[in-house]
Amino acid sequence: MGAGAMMSEQKRILVVEDSDDGRFALAKLLQLEGYTILEAIDGVQAIEMAARERPDLILMDLSLPVIDGLTATRRIRETAGLEGIPIIALSGHDAFGLGNDAKEAGITDYATKPVDFDLLIDMLSRYLSSQP
């Protein structure tokens, strides 16, 4: 497969973030890395988008309006065909405090906010490269 074939298989990432600035910055950065970006601003939208679009990976802010990130993650995990999608939680809180709740909800991994983009890109490529 040449480089051209790779481009047609762009991985799609659903960015769930209620802050316009945060979502915009993340989306821009990820687009520069060659990812296709889908966006949702709350937990309800996240669940609908995940079910409709079947993204390759979800970046889930945990403090969301309407339905919080952990609840949205649980609902996505209950949707047929979405059980295996990597969901990376983004949280401004100490991630260790979330540990069990996050695992229980089905969070694959987490990154703290403000997001360290280099670490995030490494994390994404790790999860996305292991997918068929």
N, C-alpha and C. Protein backbone atom coordinates (compact mmCIF):
# COMPACT_ATOMS: atom_id res chain seq x y z
N MET A 1 0.84 -1.20 0.00
CA MET A 1 0.00 0.00 0.00
C MET A 1 0.87 1.25 0.00
N GLY A 2 0.59 2.13 -0.93
CA GLY A 2 1.36 3.37 -0.98
C GLY A 2 0.77 4.39 -0.03
N ALA A 3 1.38 5.57 0.00
CA ALA A 3 0.91 6.62 0.91
C ALA A 3 -0.50 7.07 0.54
N GLY A 4 -0.83 7.02 -0.74
CA GLY A 4 -2.16 7.44 -1.18
C GLY A 4 -3.24 6.59 -0.55
N ALA A 5 -3.00 5.29 -0.45
CA ALA A 5 -4.00 4.39 0.13
C ALA A 5 -4.22 4.71 1.60
N MET A 6 -3.16 5.12 2.28
CA MET A 6 -3.30 5.47 3.70
C MET A 6 -4.24 6.65 3.89
N MET A 7 -4.12 7.65 3.02
CA MET A 7 -4.92 8.85 3.18
C MET A 7 -6.42 8.58 3.06
N SER A 8 -6.78 7.60 2.24
CA SER A 8 -8.20 7.33 2.06
C SER A 8 -8.79 6.65 3.30
N GLU A 9 -7.92 6.11 4.12
CA GLU A 9 -8.39 5.44 5.33
C GLU A 9 -8.16 6.29 6.56
N GLN A 10 -8.52 7.55 6.46
CA GLN A 10 -8.34 8.44 7.60
C GLN A 10 -9.16 7.95 8.79
N LYS A 11 -8.51 7.92 9.93
CA LYS A 11 -9.22 7.53 11.15
C LYS A 11 -10.13 8.67 11.58
N ARG A 12 -11.31 8.32 12.05
CA ARG A 12 -12.27 9.33 12.48
C ARG A 12 -12.36 9.38 14.00
N ILE A 13 -12.18 10.59 14.52
CA ILE A 13 -12.19 10.78 15.97
C ILE A 13 -13.35 11.69 16.35
N LEU A 14 -14.14 11.22 17.30
CA LEU A 14 -15.23 12.04 17.83
C LEU A 14 -14.69 12.81 19.03
N VAL A 15 -14.68 14.14 18.93
CA VAL A 15 -14.21 15.00 20.02
C VAL A 15 -15.44 15.53 20.76
N VAL A 16 -15.57 15.14 22.03
CA VAL A 16 -16.71 15.57 22.84
C VAL A 16 -16.20 16.54 23.89
N GLU A 17 -16.54 17.81 23.71
CA GLU A 17 -16.00 18.86 24.57
C GLU A 17 -16.98 20.03 24.55
N ASP A 18 -17.43 20.49 25.72
CA ASP A 18 -18.43 21.56 25.74
C ASP A 18 -17.82 22.95 25.58
N SER A 19 -16.52 23.08 25.77
CA SER A 19 -15.88 24.38 25.59
C SER A 19 -15.54 24.56 24.11
N ASP A 20 -16.09 25.61 23.50
CA ASP A 20 -15.84 25.85 22.07
C ASP A 20 -14.34 25.98 21.79
N ASP A 21 -13.64 26.74 22.65
CA ASP A 21 -12.21 26.95 22.43
C ASP A 21 -11.44 25.63 22.50
N GLY A 22 -11.75 24.85 23.54
CA GLY A 22 -11.05 23.58 23.72
C GLY A 22 -11.32 22.62 22.57
N ARG A 23 -12.58 22.57 22.15
CA ARG A 23 -12.96 21.66 21.07
C ARG A 23 -12.31 22.10 19.75
N PHE A 24 -12.33 23.40 19.51
CA PHE A 24 -11.76 23.93 18.28
C PHE A 24 -10.26 23.64 18.20
N ALA A 25 -9.57 23.88 19.32
CA ALA A 25 -8.12 23.66 19.35
C ALA A 25 -7.79 22.19 19.13
N LEU A 26 -8.52 21.31 19.81
CA LEU A 26 -8.29 19.87 19.65
C LEU A 26 -8.56 19.42 18.21
N ALA A 27 -9.70 19.89 17.68
CA ALA A 27 -10.09 19.50 16.32
C ALA A 27 -9.03 19.94 15.31
N LYS A 28 -8.59 21.19 15.43
CA LYS A 28 -7.58 21.72 14.50
C LYS A 28 -6.29 20.89 14.57
N LEU A 29 -5.83 20.65 15.78
CA LEU A 29 -4.59 19.91 15.96
C LEU A 29 -4.70 18.51 15.36
N LEU A 30 -5.81 17.85 15.63
CA LEU A 30 -5.99 16.48 15.15
C LEU A 30 -6.14 16.43 13.63
N GLN A 31 -6.77 17.47 13.05
CA GLN A 31 -6.88 17.54 11.60
C GLN A 31 -5.49 17.69 10.98
N LEU A 32 -4.64 18.47 11.62
CA LEU A 32 -3.27 18.64 11.11
C LEU A 32 -2.52 17.31 11.15
N GLU A 33 -2.90 16.44 12.09
CA GLU A 33 -2.26 15.13 12.19
C GLU A 33 -2.86 14.13 11.18
N GLY A 34 -3.87 14.58 10.44
CA GLY A 34 -4.45 13.73 9.40
C GLY A 34 -5.70 12.97 9.80
N TYR A 35 -6.28 13.32 10.97
CA TYR A 35 -7.50 12.65 11.39
C TYR A 35 -8.73 13.40 10.89
N THR A 36 -9.82 12.68 10.68
CA THR A 36 -11.10 13.29 10.37
C THR A 36 -11.82 13.50 11.69
N ILE A 37 -12.36 14.70 11.91
CA ILE A 37 -12.94 15.03 13.21
C ILE A 37 -14.45 15.17 13.17
N LEU A 38 -15.09 14.54 14.14
CA LEU A 38 -16.52 14.71 14.37
C LEU A 38 -16.60 15.42 15.71
N GLU A 39 -17.63 16.26 15.91
CA GLU A 39 -17.70 17.02 17.15
C GLU A 39 -19.06 16.88 17.84
N ALA A 40 -19.01 16.84 19.17
CA ALA A 40 -20.23 16.86 19.97
C ALA A 40 -19.98 17.76 21.17
N ILE A 41 -21.04 18.45 21.63
CA ILE A 41 -20.83 19.41 22.72
C ILE A 41 -21.42 18.95 24.06
N ASP A 42 -22.12 17.81 24.06
CA ASP A 42 -22.61 17.29 25.34
C ASP A 42 -22.76 15.78 25.25
N GLY A 43 -23.10 15.17 26.38
CA GLY A 43 -23.18 13.71 26.43
C GLY A 43 -24.24 13.12 25.52
N VAL A 44 -25.37 13.82 25.38
CA VAL A 44 -26.46 13.32 24.53
C VAL A 44 -26.00 13.28 23.08
N GLN A 45 -25.40 14.38 22.64
CA GLN A 45 -24.87 14.44 21.26
C GLN A 45 -23.81 13.37 21.05
N ALA A 46 -22.98 13.17 22.07
CA ALA A 46 -21.89 12.18 21.96
C ALA A 46 -22.45 10.79 21.69
N ILE A 47 -23.51 10.43 22.42
CA ILE A 47 -24.12 9.11 22.26
C ILE A 47 -24.72 8.97 20.87
N GLU A 48 -25.44 10.02 20.42
CA GLU A 48 -26.07 9.99 19.10
C GLU A 48 -25.03 9.90 18.00
N MET A 49 -23.98 10.73 18.10
CA MET A 49 -22.93 10.75 17.08
C MET A 49 -22.19 9.41 17.02
N ALA A 50 -21.89 8.87 18.17
CA ALA A 50 -21.16 7.60 18.21
C ALA A 50 -21.97 6.51 17.52
N ALA A 51 -23.27 6.46 17.82
CA ALA A 51 -24.13 5.43 17.23
C ALA A 51 -24.28 5.62 15.73
N ARG A 52 -24.40 6.86 15.29
CA ARG A 52 -24.63 7.14 13.87
C ARG A 52 -23.35 7.04 13.05
N GLU A 53 -22.27 7.61 13.58
CA GLU A 53 -21.04 7.74 12.79
C GLU A 53 -20.02 6.63 12.99
N ARG A 54 -20.15 5.87 14.07
CA ARG A 54 -19.19 4.80 14.36
C ARG A 54 -17.73 5.26 14.22
N PRO A 55 -17.31 6.22 15.05
CA PRO A 55 -15.93 6.73 14.94
C PRO A 55 -14.91 5.65 15.33
N ASP A 56 -13.65 5.88 14.96
CA ASP A 56 -12.59 4.93 15.30
C ASP A 56 -12.14 5.10 16.74
N LEU A 57 -12.34 6.32 17.28
CA LEU A 57 -11.91 6.61 18.65
C LEU A 57 -12.71 7.81 19.15
N ILE A 58 -12.94 7.86 20.45
CA ILE A 58 -13.68 8.99 21.03
C ILE A 58 -12.82 9.66 22.11
N LEU A 59 -12.72 10.99 22.01
CA LEU A 59 -12.08 11.78 23.06
C LEU A 59 -13.24 12.39 23.86
N MET A 60 -13.39 11.99 25.09
CA MET A 60 -14.56 12.35 25.89
C MET A 60 -14.21 13.24 27.07
N ASP A 61 -14.63 14.51 27.00
CA ASP A 61 -14.48 15.37 28.17
C ASP A 61 -15.42 14.81 29.24
N LEU A 62 -15.00 14.78 30.49
CA LEU A 62 -15.85 14.17 31.51
C LEU A 62 -16.87 15.13 32.10
N SER A 63 -16.55 16.42 32.15
CA SER A 63 -17.51 17.36 32.73
C SER A 63 -18.31 18.01 31.60
N LEU A 64 -19.40 17.35 31.22
CA LEU A 64 -20.23 17.81 30.12
C LEU A 64 -21.61 18.20 30.62
N PRO A 65 -22.27 19.12 29.91
CA PRO A 65 -23.66 19.43 30.26
C PRO A 65 -24.61 18.30 29.81
N VAL A 66 -25.81 18.32 30.32
CA VAL A 66 -26.90 17.39 30.02
C VAL A 66 -26.60 15.98 30.55
N ILE A 67 -25.64 15.30 29.95
CA ILE A 67 -25.21 13.99 30.45
C ILE A 67 -23.69 14.05 30.57
N ASP A 68 -23.14 13.69 31.72
CA ASP A 68 -21.69 13.79 31.91
C ASP A 68 -20.95 12.71 31.10
N GLY A 69 -19.65 12.87 31.00
CA GLY A 69 -18.84 11.98 30.17
C GLY A 69 -18.86 10.51 30.56
N LEU A 70 -18.87 10.24 31.87
CA LEU A 70 -18.88 8.83 32.30
C LEU A 70 -20.21 8.16 31.96
N THR A 71 -21.30 8.90 32.15
CA THR A 71 -22.62 8.35 31.82
C THR A 71 -22.72 8.13 30.32
N ALA A 72 -22.25 9.10 29.55
CA ALA A 72 -22.27 8.97 28.08
C ALA A 72 -21.44 7.76 27.65
N THR A 73 -20.30 7.57 28.30
CA THR A 73 -19.43 6.43 27.97
C THR A 73 -20.16 5.12 28.25
N ARG A 74 -20.83 5.04 29.39
CA ARG A 74 -21.59 3.82 29.71
C ARG A 74 -22.62 3.53 28.64
N ARG A 75 -23.36 4.56 28.21
CA ARG A 75 -24.41 4.38 27.20
C ARG A 75 -23.80 3.94 25.87
N ILE A 76 -22.67 4.53 25.51
CA ILE A 76 -22.01 4.16 24.25
C ILE A 76 -21.58 2.69 24.32
N ARG A 77 -21.06 2.29 25.47
CA ARG A 77 -20.62 0.90 25.65
C ARG A 77 -21.78 -0.08 25.56
N GLU A 78 -23.00 0.40 25.86
CA GLU A 78 -24.18 -0.47 25.80
C GLU A 78 -24.75 -0.57 24.39
N THR A 79 -24.21 0.22 23.47
CA THR A 79 -24.70 0.24 22.09
C THR A 79 -23.99 -0.84 21.28
N ALA A 80 -24.77 -1.68 20.63
CA ALA A 80 -24.19 -2.78 19.85
C ALA A 80 -23.21 -2.24 18.81
N GLY A 81 -22.04 -2.87 18.75
CA GLY A 81 -21.04 -2.47 17.77
C GLY A 81 -20.09 -1.39 18.27
N LEU A 82 -20.39 -0.77 19.41
CA LEU A 82 -19.53 0.31 19.91
C LEU A 82 -18.72 -0.13 21.13
N GLU A 83 -18.88 -1.40 21.51
CA GLU A 83 -18.23 -1.87 22.74
C GLU A 83 -16.70 -1.73 22.68
N GLY A 84 -16.14 -1.87 21.49
CA GLY A 84 -14.68 -1.92 21.39
C GLY A 84 -13.99 -0.62 21.02
N ILE A 85 -14.76 0.44 20.80
CA ILE A 85 -14.13 1.71 20.41
C ILE A 85 -13.32 2.26 21.58
N PRO A 86 -12.05 2.63 21.33
CA PRO A 86 -11.28 3.25 22.41
C PRO A 86 -11.93 4.59 22.80
N ILE A 87 -12.15 4.78 24.09
CA ILE A 87 -12.69 6.06 24.57
C ILE A 87 -11.67 6.63 25.55
N ILE A 88 -11.10 7.77 25.18
CA ILE A 88 -10.10 8.42 26.03
C ILE A 88 -10.76 9.59 26.74
N ALA A 89 -10.76 9.54 28.05
CA ALA A 89 -11.38 10.61 28.84
C ALA A 89 -10.42 11.79 28.95
N LEU A 90 -11.00 12.98 28.86
CA LEU A 90 -10.23 14.20 29.09
C LEU A 90 -10.78 14.82 30.36
N SER A 91 -9.92 15.04 31.32
CA SER A 91 -10.41 15.56 32.59
C SER A 91 -9.45 16.56 33.19
N GLY A 92 -10.01 17.64 33.72
CA GLY A 92 -9.20 18.63 34.40
C GLY A 92 -8.89 18.19 35.82
N HIS A 93 -9.56 17.12 36.25
CA HIS A 93 -9.36 16.63 37.61
C HIS A 93 -8.24 15.60 37.64
N ASP A 94 -7.80 15.30 38.80
CA ASP A 94 -6.79 14.28 38.97
C ASP A 94 -7.38 12.95 38.51
N ALA A 95 -6.80 12.38 37.49
CA ALA A 95 -7.36 11.17 36.88
C ALA A 95 -7.38 10.00 37.86
N PHE A 96 -6.46 9.98 38.82
CA PHE A 96 -6.41 8.83 39.74
C PHE A 96 -7.66 8.76 40.60
N GLY A 97 -8.24 9.91 40.88
CA GLY A 97 -9.47 9.93 41.65
C GLY A 97 -10.62 9.28 40.87
N LEU A 98 -10.48 9.25 39.56
CA LEU A 98 -11.53 8.69 38.70
C LEU A 98 -11.39 7.20 38.52
N GLY A 99 -10.17 6.71 38.68
CA GLY A 99 -9.83 5.33 38.42
C GLY A 99 -10.93 4.32 38.25
N ASN A 100 -11.56 3.93 39.37
CA ASN A 100 -12.56 2.86 39.31
C ASN A 100 -13.82 3.24 38.55
N ASP A 101 -14.31 4.46 38.80
CA ASP A 101 -15.51 4.90 38.08
C ASP A 101 -15.26 4.87 36.58
N ALA A 102 -14.10 5.37 36.18
CA ALA A 102 -13.78 5.44 34.76
C ALA A 102 -13.69 4.04 34.15
N LYS A 103 -13.02 3.14 34.85
CA LYS A 103 -12.89 1.77 34.34
C LYS A 103 -14.25 1.10 34.24
N GLU A 104 -15.05 1.30 35.27
CA GLU A 104 -16.38 0.72 35.31
C GLU A 104 -17.24 1.22 34.15
N ALA A 105 -17.10 2.50 33.84
CA ALA A 105 -17.89 3.11 32.77
C ALA A 105 -17.43 2.62 31.40
N GLY A 106 -16.18 2.16 31.33
CA GLY A 106 -15.67 1.69 30.04
C GLY A 106 -14.65 2.61 29.40
N ILE A 107 -14.08 3.52 30.20
CA ILE A 107 -13.03 4.41 29.69
C ILE A 107 -11.79 3.56 29.39
N THR A 108 -11.20 3.77 28.22
CA THR A 108 -10.02 3.00 27.82
C THR A 108 -8.76 3.57 28.46
N ASP A 109 -8.69 4.91 28.51
CA ASP A 109 -7.50 5.58 29.01
C ASP A 109 -7.90 7.02 29.30
N TYR A 110 -7.00 7.78 29.94
CA TYR A 110 -7.34 9.19 30.10
C TYR A 110 -6.15 10.10 30.00
N ALA A 111 -6.47 11.34 29.62
CA ALA A 111 -5.47 12.39 29.50
C ALA A 111 -5.97 13.55 30.35
N THR A 112 -5.07 14.21 31.07
CA THR A 112 -5.51 15.34 31.89
C THR A 112 -5.52 16.61 31.06
N LYS A 113 -6.37 17.54 31.48
CA LYS A 113 -6.43 18.85 30.84
C LYS A 113 -5.70 19.83 31.73
N PRO A 114 -5.04 20.85 31.22
CA PRO A 114 -4.86 21.10 29.78
C PRO A 114 -4.13 19.94 29.10
N VAL A 115 -4.55 19.66 27.89
CA VAL A 115 -4.04 18.50 27.16
C VAL A 115 -2.61 18.72 26.67
N ASP A 116 -1.77 17.74 26.93
CA ASP A 116 -0.42 17.73 26.38
C ASP A 116 -0.55 17.06 25.00
N PHE A 117 -0.50 17.88 23.95
CA PHE A 117 -0.78 17.37 22.61
C PHE A 117 0.15 16.25 22.16
N ASP A 118 1.43 16.36 22.51
CA ASP A 118 2.38 15.32 22.10
C ASP A 118 2.01 13.97 22.72
N LEU A 119 1.69 14.01 24.01
CA LEU A 119 1.30 12.78 24.69
C LEU A 119 0.01 12.23 24.10
N LEU A 120 -0.93 13.15 23.81
CA LEU A 120 -2.22 12.73 23.26
C LEU A 120 -2.03 12.07 21.89
N ILE A 121 -1.23 12.68 21.05
CA ILE A 121 -0.99 12.12 19.70
C ILE A 121 -0.36 10.73 19.82
N ASP A 122 0.58 10.58 20.74
CA ASP A 122 1.19 9.26 20.96
C ASP A 122 0.13 8.25 21.38
N MET A 123 -0.74 8.68 22.30
CA MET A 123 -1.78 7.80 22.81
C MET A 123 -2.73 7.40 21.68
N LEU A 124 -3.13 8.37 20.87
CA LEU A 124 -4.05 8.09 19.76
C LEU A 124 -3.43 7.11 18.77
N SER A 125 -2.18 7.36 18.41
CA SER A 125 -1.59 6.47 17.41
C SER A 125 -1.44 5.05 17.96
N ARG A 126 -1.21 4.96 19.27
CA ARG A 126 -1.10 3.65 19.89
C ARG A 126 -2.44 2.90 19.78
N TYR A 127 -3.52 3.56 20.14
CA TYR A 127 -4.82 2.89 20.10
C TYR A 127 -5.33 2.66 18.68
N LEU A 128 -5.05 3.61 17.80
CA LEU A 128 -5.58 3.50 16.44
C LEU A 128 -4.78 2.53 15.59
N SER A 129 -3.49 2.39 15.88
CA SER A 129 -2.69 1.48 15.06
C SER A 129 -2.99 0.02 15.38
N SER A 130 -3.54 -0.21 16.57
CA SER A 130 -3.82 -1.61 16.95
C SER A 130 -5.17 -2.07 16.41
N GLN A 131 -5.90 -1.13 15.78
CA GLN A 131 -7.20 -1.51 15.22
C GLN A 131 -7.01 -2.07 13.81
N PRO A 132 -7.88 -3.01 13.42
CA PRO A 132 -7.79 -3.56 12.08
C PRO A 132 -8.09 -2.51 11.03
